[in-house]
Amino acid sequence: MENQQIFTDLLDPVASDCEIGNSKGPGIASPESFVLVLSSADILLSLGSPVLDVCQTLDFIFTVIKDDILIKVLCFPSDDCNTLAKPLTVHVLERKACFQRTCDTFHLYILTCDLIKYPGQARSSSTIEISNDIFKSIGSVDISLCNSPILLLTAGDGSVYYSALNPQPFSPEPHNFLLLYPTCKAVVNIQSCNLNLQEKNRPDVDSTFDQKTVCCLALCSSNGDSVILTCDEKHGPQLIPFTVPSSLAHFEIVGQKMYFSSEEDLFVCDVVLLENDNKFDLELHNISSLRFARAIYIKCVRDFASTEGTVNLYTYHLC
């Protein structure tokens, strides 16, 4: 979690008190009870299971935990200070046999759009702003009318699931995750991007058509199996598969460029979105090496002071 100091600890089963902030209260826990302490927010979450992922955004705290045959995402209020916070909502995914054969790798993303009103609230890097059309194509118009973000959960087998947050206080009924898209391997990143649309039969012609921009949600798996989700008035929602010709540790699309890394190298290429009859196609052109190995995370920042569209590229790499 960004800007938070997080500790996952095993409580002493003979403890009689639990101190949170400046207040004290009873707290007896079994050896199986895991507790997540958010020290700067003075919040204590009693989860009862190991934590697989956590993020704080839009005034909520989300935790992904493993509970027997279920994967659960718990949503807590981030302003519930000095108490043992109770979850507002619980979202569940049954652990299938394929999960048992893979490591318990799950990552949570939060989708939002202009229809979701959370003004002035901090957003983590796991929060993805998408177009209203894409948002409604995933979660329906009813979800956007309920002012409800969408949770995206990626599993170690490559599957991507979604569930509407719909934060009704202390909802007794769990919400089930539904399958959005299956990839072959674990997803390394999900991000939104805006791509210029070109005609299939003349991709290099500079015309007014070429300036049309399409909002996309892109995801790539570790073996290069990738897809973008688009939605517009002409074609409706579309899932457009494409392949990155490399194993992937991470990727990021900025402007019309895609940067992606493997253990061997860091690459850059042009992302070309083409209109072909009644559908879109996506192609990767001019792939070139940046001669930088073992980058496990990529972050691109536009240099708005530059008139040449310069991008500053930051990476984390294994020594």
C-alpha atoms as a PDB file:
ATOM      1  CA  MET A   1       0.000   0.000   0.000  1.00  0.00           C
ATOM      2  CA  GLU A   2       1.311   3.400  -0.940  1.00  0.00           C
ATOM      3  CA  ASN A   3       2.285   5.816   1.856  1.00  0.00           C
ATOM      4  CA  GLN A   4       1.256   3.322   4.504  1.00  0.00           C
ATOM      5  CA  GLN A   5       3.412   1.294   6.855  1.00  0.00           C
ATOM      6  CA  ILE A   6       1.913  -2.182   6.914  1.00  0.00           C
ATOM      7  CA  PHE A   7       2.617  -4.961   9.333  1.00  0.00           C
ATOM      8  CA  THR A   8       1.146  -8.451   9.147  1.00  0.00           C
ATOM      9  CA  ASP A   9       1.582 -10.108  12.500  1.00  0.00           C
ATOM     10  CA  LEU A  10       0.442 -13.166  14.396  1.00  0.00           C
ATOM     11  CA  LEU A  11      -1.222 -12.192  17.631  1.00  0.00           C
ATOM     12  CA  ASP A  12      -0.175 -13.769  20.919  1.00  0.00           C
ATOM     13  CA  PRO A  13      -3.059 -16.105  21.843  1.00  0.00           C
ATOM     14  CA  VAL A  14      -2.659 -15.262  25.535  1.00  0.00           C
ATOM     15  CA  ALA A  15      -2.796 -11.512  25.003  1.00  0.00           C
ATOM     16  CA  SER A  16      -5.490  -9.771  26.997  1.00  0.00           C
ATOM     17  CA  ASP A  17      -5.305  -6.286  25.537  1.00  0.00           C
ATOM     18  CA  CYS A  18      -4.897  -4.788  22.098  1.00  0.00           C
ATOM     19  CA  GLU A  19      -3.798  -1.165  21.793  1.00  0.00           C
ATOM     20  CA  ILE A  20      -4.876   0.848  18.777  1.00  0.00           C
ATOM     21  CA  GLY A  21      -3.745   4.450  18.614  1.00  0.00           C
ATOM     22  CA  ASN A  22      -4.350   5.917  22.067  1.00  0.00           C
ATOM     23  CA  SER A  23      -7.282   3.643  23.005  1.00  0.00           C
ATOM     24  CA  LYS A  24      -7.345   0.203  24.585  1.00  0.00           C
ATOM     25  CA  GLY A  25      -9.838  -2.611  24.333  1.00  0.00           C
ATOM     26  CA  PRO A  26     -10.103  -6.358  24.737  1.00  0.00           C
ATOM     27  CA  GLY A  27      -8.439  -8.432  22.066  1.00  0.00           C
ATOM     28  CA  ILE A  28      -8.047 -12.200  22.390  1.00  0.00           C
ATOM     29  CA  ALA A  29      -6.877 -13.978  19.257  1.00  0.00           C
ATOM     30  CA  SER A  30      -6.073 -17.532  18.238  1.00  0.00           C
ATOM     31  CA  PRO A  31      -2.740 -18.413  16.552  1.00  0.00           C
ATOM     32  CA  GLU A  32      -4.600 -18.523  13.214  1.00  0.00           C
ATOM     33  CA  SER A  33      -5.804 -14.911  13.493  1.00  0.00           C
ATOM     34  CA  PHE A  34      -3.819 -12.612  11.265  1.00  0.00           C
ATOM     35  CA  VAL A  35      -4.003  -8.892  11.886  1.00  0.00           C
ATOM     36  CA  LEU A  36      -3.187  -6.092   9.480  1.00  0.00           C
ATOM     37  CA  VAL A  37      -2.071  -2.892  11.207  1.00  0.00           C
ATOM     38  CA  LEU A  38      -2.205   0.374   9.274  1.00  0.00           C
ATOM     39  CA  SER A  39      -0.118   2.413  11.665  1.00  0.00           C
ATOM     40  CA  SER A  40      -0.432   5.872  10.094  1.00  0.00           C
ATOM     41  CA  ALA A  41      -4.222   5.517   9.944  1.00  0.00           C
ATOM     42  CA  ASP A  42      -4.565   3.886  13.396  1.00  0.00           C
ATOM     43  CA  ILE A  43      -6.700   1.095  11.958  1.00  0.00           C
ATOM     44  CA  LEU A  44      -6.583  -2.554  12.936  1.00  0.00           C
ATOM     45  CA  LEU A  45      -8.141  -5.156  10.650  1.00  0.00           C
ATOM     46  CA  SER A  46      -8.770  -8.616  12.082  1.00  0.00           C
ATOM     47  CA  LEU A  47      -8.694 -10.830   8.988  1.00  0.00           C
ATOM     48  CA  GLY A  48      -8.319 -14.382  10.287  1.00  0.00           C
ATOM     49  CA  SER A  49      -6.359 -15.453   7.181  1.00  0.00           C
ATOM     50  CA  PRO A  50      -3.073 -14.672   5.409  1.00  0.00           C
ATOM     51  CA  VAL A  51      -3.102 -11.492   3.316  1.00  0.00           C
ATOM     52  CA  LEU A  52      -2.470 -11.943  -0.431  1.00  0.00           C
ATOM     53  CA  ASP A  53      -2.874  -8.304  -1.511  1.00  0.00           C
ATOM     54  CA  VAL A  54      -3.954  -4.972  -0.036  1.00  0.00           C
ATOM     55  CA  CYS A  55      -4.634  -1.462  -1.320  1.00  0.00           C
ATOM     56  CA  GLN A  56      -6.163   1.746  -0.006  1.00  0.00           C
ATOM     57  CA  THR A  57      -8.056   4.029  -2.373  1.00  0.00           C
ATOM     58  CA  LEU A  58     -11.278   6.057  -2.667  1.00  0.00           C
ATOM     59  CA  ASP A  59     -11.640   6.085   1.130  1.00  0.00           C
ATOM     60  CA  PHE A  60     -11.696   2.273   1.269  1.00  0.00           C
ATOM     61  CA  ILE A  61      -9.196  -0.384   2.299  1.00  0.00           C
ATOM     62  CA  PHE A  62      -9.277  -3.583   0.245  1.00  0.00           C
ATOM     63  CA  THR A  63      -7.652  -6.818   1.372  1.00  0.00           C
ATOM     64  CA  VAL A  64      -7.384 -10.093  -0.542  1.00  0.00           C
ATOM     65  CA  ILE A  65      -7.253 -13.134   1.742  1.00  0.00           C
ATOM     66  CA  LYS A  66      -7.243 -16.917   1.379  1.00  0.00           C
ATOM     67  CA  ASP A  67      -9.988 -18.632   3.360  1.00  0.00           C
ATOM     68  CA  ASP A  68     -10.114 -22.419   2.893  1.00  0.00           C
ATOM     69  CA  ILE A  69     -11.494 -22.985  -0.647  1.00  0.00           C
ATOM     70  CA  LEU A  70     -12.409 -19.320  -1.138  1.00  0.00           C
ATOM     71  CA  ILE A  71     -10.496 -16.205  -2.101  1.00  0.00           C
ATOM     72  CA  LYS A  72     -12.129 -13.235  -0.396  1.00  0.00           C
ATOM     73  CA  VAL A  73     -11.830  -9.516  -1.029  1.00  0.00           C
ATOM     74  CA  LEU A  74     -12.878  -7.509   2.021  1.00  0.00           C
ATOM     75  CA  CYS A  75     -13.760  -3.823   1.781  1.00  0.00           C
ATOM     76  CA  PHE A  76     -13.252  -1.704   4.898  1.00  0.00           C
ATOM     77  CA  PRO A  77     -13.907   1.994   5.565  1.00  0.00           C
ATOM     78  CA  SER A  78     -10.569   3.782   5.828  1.00  0.00           C
ATOM     79  CA  ASP A  79     -11.924   6.377   8.281  1.00  0.00           C
ATOM     80  CA  ASP A  80     -12.979   3.822  10.916  1.00  0.00           C
ATOM     81  CA  CYS A  81     -10.211   4.772  13.322  1.00  0.00           C
ATOM     82  CA  ASN A  82      -9.455   3.316  16.757  1.00  0.00           C
ATOM     83  CA  THR A  83     -11.709   0.293  16.283  1.00  0.00           C
ATOM     84  CA  LEU A  84     -11.533  -3.248  15.030  1.00  0.00           C
ATOM     85  CA  ALA A  85     -12.981  -2.349  11.645  1.00  0.00           C
ATOM     86  CA  LYS A  86     -15.723  -4.530  10.169  1.00  0.00           C
ATOM     87  CA  PRO A  87     -15.942  -5.106   6.397  1.00  0.00           C
ATOM     88  CA  LEU A  88     -18.528  -3.145   4.463  1.00  0.00           C
ATOM     89  CA  THR A  89     -18.686  -5.777   1.729  1.00  0.00           C
ATOM     90  CA  VAL A  90     -17.265  -9.229   1.052  1.00  0.00           C
ATOM     91  CA  HIS A  91     -16.512 -10.497  -2.461  1.00  0.00           C
ATOM     92  CA  VAL A  92     -15.758 -14.185  -2.982  1.00  0.00           C
ATOM     93  CA  LEU A  93     -14.122 -16.383  -5.599  1.00  0.00           C
ATOM     94  CA  GLU A  94     -14.069 -20.163  -5.254  1.00  0.00           C
ATOM     95  CA  ARG A  95     -10.565 -21.624  -5.492  1.00  0.00           C
ATOM     96  CA  LYS A  96     -10.736 -24.086  -8.362  1.00  0.00           C
ATOM     97  CA  ALA A  97      -8.458 -27.070  -8.815  1.00  0.00           C
ATOM     98  CA  CYS A  98      -6.222 -25.051 -11.129  1.00  0.00           C
ATOM     99  CA  PHE A  99      -5.596 -22.593  -8.282  1.00  0.00           C
ATOM    100  CA  GLN A 100      -4.348 -25.440  -6.114  1.00  0.00           C
ATOM    101  CA  ARG A 101      -1.622 -26.198  -8.679  1.00  0.00           C
ATOM    102  CA  THR A 102      -0.438 -22.589  -8.895  1.00  0.00           C
ATOM    103  CA  CYS A 103       0.949 -20.318  -6.234  1.00  0.00           C
ATOM    104  CA  ASP A 104      -1.548 -18.128  -4.407  1.00  0.00           C
ATOM    105  CA  THR A 105      -0.834 -15.053  -6.504  1.00  0.00           C
ATOM    106  CA  PHE A 106      -3.745 -12.645  -6.651  1.00  0.00           C
ATOM    107  CA  HIS A 107      -3.709  -8.943  -7.378  1.00  0.00           C
ATOM    108  CA  LEU A 108      -6.519  -6.417  -7.040  1.00  0.00           C
ATOM    109  CA  TYR A 109      -7.273  -3.437  -9.283  1.00  0.00           C
ATOM    110  CA  ILE A 110     -10.056  -0.877  -8.815  1.00  0.00           C
ATOM    111  CA  LEU A 111     -11.849   0.443 -11.919  1.00  0.00           C
ATOM    112  CA  THR A 112     -13.562   3.818 -11.860  1.00  0.00           C
ATOM    113  CA  CYS A 113     -14.804   6.401 -14.371  1.00  0.00           C
ATOM    114  CA  ASP A 114     -16.300   9.889 -14.634  1.00  0.00           C
ATOM    115  CA  LEU A 115     -19.670   8.507 -13.554  1.00  0.00           C
ATOM    116  CA  ILE A 116     -18.242   7.486 -10.175  1.00  0.00           C
ATOM    117  CA  LYS A 117     -18.065  10.481  -7.865  1.00  0.00           C
ATOM    118  CA  TYR A 118     -15.294  10.325  -5.287  1.00  0.00           C
ATOM    119  CA  PRO A 119     -13.984  13.908  -5.427  1.00  0.00           C
ATOM    120  CA  GLY A 120     -10.730  14.837  -3.768  1.00  0.00           C
ATOM    121  CA  GLN A 121      -9.949  11.375  -2.417  1.00  0.00           C
ATOM    122  CA  ALA A 122      -6.533   9.737  -2.672  1.00  0.00           C
ATOM    123  CA  ARG A 123      -6.112   7.025  -5.289  1.00  0.00           C
ATOM    124  CA  SER A 124      -3.488   4.306  -5.295  1.00  0.00           C
ATOM    125  CA  SER A 125      -1.585   3.051  -8.332  1.00  0.00           C
ATOM    126  CA  SER A 126      -3.998   0.090  -8.437  1.00  0.00           C
ATOM    127  CA  THR A 127      -6.884   2.450  -9.271  1.00  0.00           C
ATOM    128  CA  ILE A 128      -7.541   2.623 -13.018  1.00  0.00           C
ATOM    129  CA  GLU A 129      -9.606   5.392 -14.638  1.00  0.00           C
ATOM    130  CA  ILE A 130     -11.424   4.111 -17.740  1.00  0.00           C
ATOM    131  CA  SER A 131     -13.983   5.545 -20.146  1.00  0.00           C
ATOM    132  CA  ASN A 132     -17.659   5.545 -19.215  1.00  0.00           C
ATOM    133  CA  ASP A 133     -18.467   3.249 -22.155  1.00  0.00           C
ATOM    134  CA  ILE A 134     -15.907   0.603 -21.141  1.00  0.00           C
ATOM    135  CA  PHE A 135     -17.032   0.844 -17.536  1.00  0.00           C
ATOM    136  CA  LYS A 136     -20.675   0.235 -18.452  1.00  0.00           C
ATOM    137  CA  SER A 137     -19.732  -2.617 -20.814  1.00  0.00           C
ATOM    138  CA  ILE A 138     -18.060  -4.441 -17.909  1.00  0.00           C
ATOM    139  CA  GLY A 139     -20.424  -3.667 -15.080  1.00  0.00           C
ATOM    140  CA  SER A 140     -23.685  -2.480 -16.725  1.00  0.00           C
ATOM    141  CA  VAL A 141     -25.386   0.894 -16.484  1.00  0.00           C
ATOM    142  CA  ASP A 142     -26.951  -0.031 -13.143  1.00  0.00           C
ATOM    143  CA  ILE A 143     -23.543  -0.230 -11.447  1.00  0.00           C
ATOM    144  CA  SER A 144     -22.521   3.231 -12.646  1.00  0.00           C
ATOM    145  CA  LEU A 145     -25.849   4.639 -11.453  1.00  0.00           C
ATOM    146  CA  CYS A 146     -25.136   3.164  -8.014  1.00  0.00           C
ATOM    147  CA  ASN A 147     -21.882   5.128  -7.872  1.00  0.00           C
ATOM    148  CA  SER A 148     -20.024   1.840  -7.500  1.00  0.00           C
ATOM    149  CA  PRO A 149     -16.426   1.168  -8.607  1.00  0.00           C
ATOM    150  CA  ILE A 150     -15.591  -2.253 -10.057  1.00  0.00           C
ATOM    151  CA  LEU A 151     -13.087  -4.663  -8.526  1.00  0.00           C
ATOM    152  CA  LEU A 152     -10.774  -6.568 -10.896  1.00  0.00           C
ATOM    153  CA  LEU A 153      -9.043  -9.607  -9.437  1.00  0.00           C
ATOM    154  CA  THR A 154      -6.251 -11.384 -11.320  1.00  0.00           C
ATOM    155  CA  ALA A 155      -5.415 -14.994 -10.437  1.00  0.00           C
ATOM    156  CA  GLY A 156      -2.185 -16.957 -10.804  1.00  0.00           C
ATOM    157  CA  ASP A 157      -3.664 -19.077 -13.609  1.00  0.00           C
ATOM    158  CA  GLY A 158      -4.199 -15.982 -15.797  1.00  0.00           C
ATOM    159  CA  SER A 159      -7.938 -15.501 -15.232  1.00  0.00           C
ATOM    160  CA  VAL A 160      -9.307 -11.990 -14.654  1.00  0.00           C
ATOM    161  CA  TYR A 161     -12.488 -11.618 -12.582  1.00  0.00           C
ATOM    162  CA  TYR A 162     -14.725  -8.661 -11.770  1.00  0.00           C
ATOM    163  CA  SER A 163     -17.276  -7.670  -9.137  1.00  0.00           C
ATOM    164  CA  ALA A 164     -19.115  -4.408  -8.435  1.00  0.00           C
ATOM    165  CA  LEU A 165     -18.197  -2.811  -5.128  1.00  0.00           C
ATOM    166  CA  ASN A 166     -21.680  -1.409  -4.336  1.00  0.00           C
ATOM    167  CA  PRO A 167     -20.662  -0.417  -0.782  1.00  0.00           C
ATOM    168  CA  GLN A 168     -23.896  -0.822   1.168  1.00  0.00           C
ATOM    169  CA  PRO A 169     -22.852  -0.664   4.844  1.00  0.00           C
ATOM    170  CA  PHE A 170     -22.350  -4.064   6.453  1.00  0.00           C
ATOM    171  CA  SER A 171     -23.998  -6.013   3.644  1.00  0.00           C
ATOM    172  CA  PRO A 172     -24.724  -9.542   4.948  1.00  0.00           C
ATOM    173  CA  GLU A 173     -24.621 -11.193   1.516  1.00  0.00           C
ATOM    174  CA  PRO A 174     -21.278 -11.862  -0.216  1.00  0.00           C
ATOM    175  CA  HIS A 175     -20.818 -10.745  -3.816  1.00  0.00           C
ATOM    176  CA  ASN A 176     -19.476 -13.294  -6.313  1.00  0.00           C
ATOM    177  CA  PHE A 177     -16.673 -12.572  -8.769  1.00  0.00           C
ATOM    178  CA  LEU A 178     -17.465 -13.263 -12.441  1.00  0.00           C
ATOM    179  CA  LEU A 179     -14.973 -14.150 -15.189  1.00  0.00           C
ATOM    180  CA  LEU A 180     -14.031 -11.216 -17.422  1.00  0.00           C
ATOM    181  CA  TYR A 181     -11.235 -12.748 -19.514  1.00  0.00           C
ATOM    182  CA  PRO A 182      -8.924 -15.805 -19.321  1.00  0.00           C
ATOM    183  CA  THR A 183      -5.277 -15.547 -20.329  1.00  0.00           C
ATOM    184  CA  CYS A 184      -2.798 -18.431 -20.416  1.00  0.00           C
ATOM    185  CA  LYS A 185      -0.461 -17.190 -17.694  1.00  0.00           C
ATOM    186  CA  ALA A 186      -0.517 -14.748 -14.781  1.00  0.00           C
ATOM    187  CA  VAL A 187      -1.333 -11.144 -15.722  1.00  0.00           C
ATOM    188  CA  VAL A 188       1.633  -8.802 -15.186  1.00  0.00           C
ATOM    189  CA  ASN A 189      -0.225  -5.488 -15.451  1.00  0.00           C
ATOM    190  CA  ILE A 190      -3.546  -3.853 -16.327  1.00  0.00           C
ATOM    191  CA  GLN A 191      -3.780  -0.253 -17.479  1.00  0.00           C
ATOM    192  CA  SER A 192      -5.938   2.187 -19.409  1.00  0.00           C
ATOM    193  CA  CYS A 193      -4.678   3.970 -22.520  1.00  0.00           C
ATOM    194  CA  ASN A 194      -5.852   6.092 -25.461  1.00  0.00           C
ATOM    195  CA  LEU A 195      -4.869   4.855 -28.916  1.00  0.00           C
ATOM    196  CA  ASN A 196      -5.188   6.632 -32.250  1.00  0.00           C
ATOM    197  CA  LEU A 197      -7.384   4.751 -34.708  1.00  0.00           C
ATOM    198  CA  GLN A 198      -6.209   4.183 -38.295  1.00  0.00           C
ATOM    199  CA  GLU A 199      -7.814   2.590 -41.334  1.00  0.00           C
ATOM    200  CA  LYS A 200      -6.614  -0.932 -42.127  1.00  0.00           C
ATOM    201  CA  ASN A 201      -6.095  -0.298 -45.847  1.00  0.00           C
ATOM    202  CA  ARG A 202      -4.067   2.880 -45.358  1.00  0.00           C
ATOM    203  CA  PRO A 203      -2.384   2.873 -41.955  1.00  0.00           C
ATOM    204  CA  ASP A 204       0.256   5.429 -42.952  1.00  0.00           C
ATOM    205  CA  VAL A 205      -2.051   8.072 -44.426  1.00  0.00           C
ATOM    206  CA  ASP A 206      -2.266  11.297 -42.454  1.00  0.00           C
ATOM    207  CA  SER A 207      -5.989  12.121 -42.461  1.00  0.00           C
ATOM    208  CA  THR A 208      -8.637  13.420 -40.089  1.00  0.00           C
ATOM    209  CA  PHE A 209      -9.722   9.803 -39.544  1.00  0.00           C
ATOM    210  CA  ASP A 210      -6.287   9.039 -38.135  1.00  0.00           C
ATOM    211  CA  GLN A 211      -6.876  11.508 -35.298  1.00  0.00           C
ATOM    212  CA  LYS A 212      -9.803   9.602 -33.789  1.00  0.00           C
ATOM    213  CA  THR A 213      -8.841   8.340 -30.334  1.00  0.00           C
ATOM    214  CA  VAL A 214     -10.180   5.128 -28.819  1.00  0.00           C
ATOM    215  CA  CYS A 215     -10.123   4.519 -25.056  1.00  0.00           C
ATOM    216  CA  CYS A 216      -8.819   1.061 -24.142  1.00  0.00           C
ATOM    217  CA  LEU A 217      -8.212  -1.187 -21.160  1.00  0.00           C
ATOM    218  CA  ALA A 218      -5.090  -3.271 -21.780  1.00  0.00           C
ATOM    219  CA  LEU A 219      -3.843  -6.374 -19.995  1.00  0.00           C
ATOM    220  CA  CYS A 220      -0.880  -8.652 -20.716  1.00  0.00           C
ATOM    221  CA  SER A 221       0.146 -12.005 -19.250  1.00  0.00           C
ATOM    222  CA  SER A 222       3.646 -13.233 -18.545  1.00  0.00           C
ATOM    223  CA  ASN A 223       3.847 -15.267 -21.783  1.00  0.00           C
ATOM    224  CA  GLY A 224       2.759 -12.341 -24.010  1.00  0.00           C
ATOM    225  CA  ASP A 225      -0.905 -13.401 -24.285  1.00  0.00           C
ATOM    226  CA  SER A 226      -2.628 -10.004 -24.288  1.00  0.00           C
ATOM    227  CA  VAL A 227      -5.928  -8.251 -24.936  1.00  0.00           C
ATOM    228  CA  ILE A 228      -7.427  -4.781 -25.018  1.00  0.00           C
ATOM    229  CA  LEU A 229     -11.045  -3.991 -24.239  1.00  0.00           C
ATOM    230  CA  THR A 230     -12.697  -1.143 -26.161  1.00  0.00           C
ATOM    231  CA  CYS A 231     -16.219   0.167 -26.484  1.00  0.00           C
ATOM    232  CA  ASP A 232     -17.582   2.813 -28.849  1.00  0.00           C
ATOM    233  CA  GLU A 233     -20.918   3.721 -30.445  1.00  0.00           C
ATOM    234  CA  LYS A 234     -20.066   2.218 -33.832  1.00  0.00           C
ATOM    235  CA  HIS A 235     -18.698  -1.208 -32.816  1.00  0.00           C
ATOM    236  CA  GLY A 236     -19.915  -1.642 -29.246  1.00  0.00           C
ATOM    237  CA  PRO A 237     -17.717  -3.532 -26.745  1.00  0.00           C
ATOM    238  CA  GLN A 238     -14.847  -5.547 -28.214  1.00  0.00           C
ATOM    239  CA  LEU A 239     -12.134  -7.776 -26.817  1.00  0.00           C
ATOM    240  CA  ILE A 240      -9.141  -7.501 -29.148  1.00  0.00           C
ATOM    241  CA  PRO A 241      -6.491 -10.187 -28.542  1.00  0.00           C
ATOM    242  CA  PHE A 242      -2.870  -9.620 -29.542  1.00  0.00           C
ATOM    243  CA  THR A 243       0.475 -11.209 -28.761  1.00  0.00           C
ATOM    244  CA  VAL A 244       3.641  -9.616 -27.441  1.00  0.00           C
ATOM    245  CA  PRO A 245       6.546 -11.660 -28.908  1.00  0.00           C
ATOM    246  CA  SER A 246       8.367 -12.103 -25.620  1.00  0.00           C
ATOM    247  CA  SER A 247       7.961 -13.318 -22.092  1.00  0.00           C
ATOM    248  CA  LEU A 248       6.879 -10.378 -19.933  1.00  0.00           C
ATOM    249  CA  ALA A 249       7.822  -9.099 -16.502  1.00  0.00           C
ATOM    250  CA  HIS A 250       5.908  -5.817 -16.929  1.00  0.00           C
ATOM    251  CA  PHE A 251       4.582  -3.413 -19.555  1.00  0.00           C
ATOM    252  CA  GLU A 252       3.283   0.116 -19.903  1.00  0.00           C
ATOM    253  CA  ILE A 253       1.646   1.948 -22.805  1.00  0.00           C
ATOM    254  CA  VAL A 254       2.189   5.688 -23.054  1.00  0.00           C
ATOM    255  CA  GLY A 255       0.936   7.628 -26.059  1.00  0.00           C
ATOM    256  CA  GLN A 256       1.294   5.299 -29.055  1.00  0.00           C
ATOM    257  CA  LYS A 257       4.304   3.474 -27.610  1.00  0.00           C
ATOM    258  CA  MET A 258       4.478   0.272 -25.610  1.00  0.00           C
ATOM    259  CA  TYR A 259       7.400  -0.490 -23.295  1.00  0.00           C
ATOM    260  CA  PHE A 260       7.753  -4.067 -22.111  1.00  0.00           C
ATOM    261  CA  SER A 261      10.409  -5.978 -20.235  1.00  0.00           C
ATOM    262  CA  SER A 262      11.614  -9.554 -19.961  1.00  0.00           C
ATOM    263  CA  GLU A 263      14.473 -11.067 -18.015  1.00  0.00           C
ATOM    264  CA  GLU A 264      16.713 -10.603 -21.052  1.00  0.00           C
ATOM    265  CA  ASP A 265      15.902  -7.084 -22.250  1.00  0.00           C
ATOM    266  CA  LEU A 266      13.700  -3.980 -22.261  1.00  0.00           C
ATOM    267  CA  PHE A 267      11.830  -3.221 -25.499  1.00  0.00           C
ATOM    268  CA  VAL A 268       9.839  -0.411 -27.072  1.00  0.00           C
ATOM    269  CA  CYS A 269       7.445  -0.599 -30.026  1.00  0.00           C
ATOM    270  CA  ASP A 270       4.659   1.297 -31.790  1.00  0.00           C
ATOM    271  CA  VAL A 271       1.086   0.316 -30.919  1.00  0.00           C
ATOM    272  CA  VAL A 272      -1.165   0.531 -33.989  1.00  0.00           C
ATOM    273  CA  LEU A 273      -4.946   0.232 -33.639  1.00  0.00           C
ATOM    274  CA  LEU A 274      -6.606  -0.475 -36.992  1.00  0.00           C
ATOM    275  CA  GLU A 275     -10.230  -0.498 -38.103  1.00  0.00           C
ATOM    276  CA  ASN A 276     -10.968  -3.478 -40.329  1.00  0.00           C
ATOM    277  CA  ASP A 277     -14.570  -3.762 -41.555  1.00  0.00           C
ATOM    278  CA  ASN A 278     -16.687  -4.162 -38.397  1.00  0.00           C
ATOM    279  CA  LYS A 279     -13.915  -4.718 -35.894  1.00  0.00           C
ATOM    280  CA  PHE A 280     -10.630  -3.400 -34.558  1.00  0.00           C
ATOM    281  CA  ASP A 281      -7.204  -5.032 -34.872  1.00  0.00           C
ATOM    282  CA  LEU A 282      -4.106  -4.229 -32.861  1.00  0.00           C
ATOM    283  CA  GLU A 283      -0.561  -4.624 -34.187  1.00  0.00           C
ATOM    284  CA  LEU A 284       2.889  -3.987 -32.719  1.00  0.00           C
ATOM    285  CA  HIS A 285       5.358  -2.360 -35.133  1.00  0.00           C
ATOM    286  CA  ASN A 286       9.050  -1.426 -35.028  1.00  0.00           C
ATOM    287  CA  ILE A 287      10.046  -3.436 -31.967  1.00  0.00           C
ATOM    288  CA  SER A 288      13.501  -2.410 -30.799  1.00  0.00           C
ATOM    289  CA  SER A 289      15.763  -3.209 -27.865  1.00  0.00           C
ATOM    290  CA  LEU A 290      16.751  -0.652 -25.241  1.00  0.00           C
ATOM    291  CA  ARG A 291      19.556  -2.958 -24.026  1.00  0.00           C
ATOM    292  CA  PHE A 292      18.483  -3.060 -20.384  1.00  0.00           C
ATOM    293  CA  ALA A 293      18.026  -6.467 -18.767  1.00  0.00           C
ATOM    294  CA  ARG A 294      16.045  -7.746 -15.769  1.00  0.00           C
ATOM    295  CA  ALA A 295      13.611  -4.825 -15.398  1.00  0.00           C
ATOM    296  CA  ILE A 296      10.695  -6.063 -13.299  1.00  0.00           C
ATOM    297  CA  TYR A 297       8.667  -2.826 -13.193  1.00  0.00           C
ATOM    298  CA  ILE A 298       8.266   0.024 -15.683  1.00  0.00           C
ATOM    299  CA  LYS A 299       6.909   3.519 -15.095  1.00  0.00           C
ATOM    300  CA  CYS A 300       6.671   6.096 -17.876  1.00  0.00           C
ATOM    301  CA  VAL A 301       6.174   9.795 -17.151  1.00  0.00           C
ATOM    302  CA  ARG A 302       5.512  12.304 -19.906  1.00  0.00           C
ATOM    303  CA  ASP A 303       7.744  15.372 -19.992  1.00  0.00           C
ATOM    304  CA  PHE A 304       5.103  18.039 -20.624  1.00  0.00           C
ATOM    305  CA  ALA A 305       7.783  20.728 -20.776  1.00  0.00           C
ATOM    306  CA  SER A 306       9.168  19.080 -23.908  1.00  0.00           C
ATOM    307  CA  THR A 307       7.769  19.966 -27.341  1.00  0.00           C
ATOM    308  CA  GLU A 308       8.937  16.626 -28.757  1.00  0.00           C
ATOM    309  CA  GLY A 309       6.725  14.367 -26.630  1.00  0.00           C
ATOM    310  CA  THR A 310       9.630  13.120 -24.514  1.00  0.00           C
ATOM    311  CA  VAL A 311       8.900  10.297 -22.053  1.00  0.00           C
ATOM    312  CA  ASN A 312      10.973   9.713 -18.930  1.00  0.00           C
ATOM    313  CA  LEU A 313      11.335   5.983 -18.330  1.00  0.00           C
ATOM    314  CA  TYR A 314      11.846   4.596 -14.821  1.00  0.00           C
ATOM    315  CA  THR A 315      12.475   0.926 -14.038  1.00  0.00           C
ATOM    316  CA  TYR A 316      13.066  -1.366 -11.091  1.00  0.00           C
ATOM    317  CA  HIS A 317      15.406  -4.197 -11.882  1.00  0.00           C
ATOM    318  CA  LEU A 318      16.899  -7.297 -10.290  1.00  0.00           C
ATOM    319  CA  CYS A 319      20.577  -7.030  -9.420  1.00  0.00           C
END
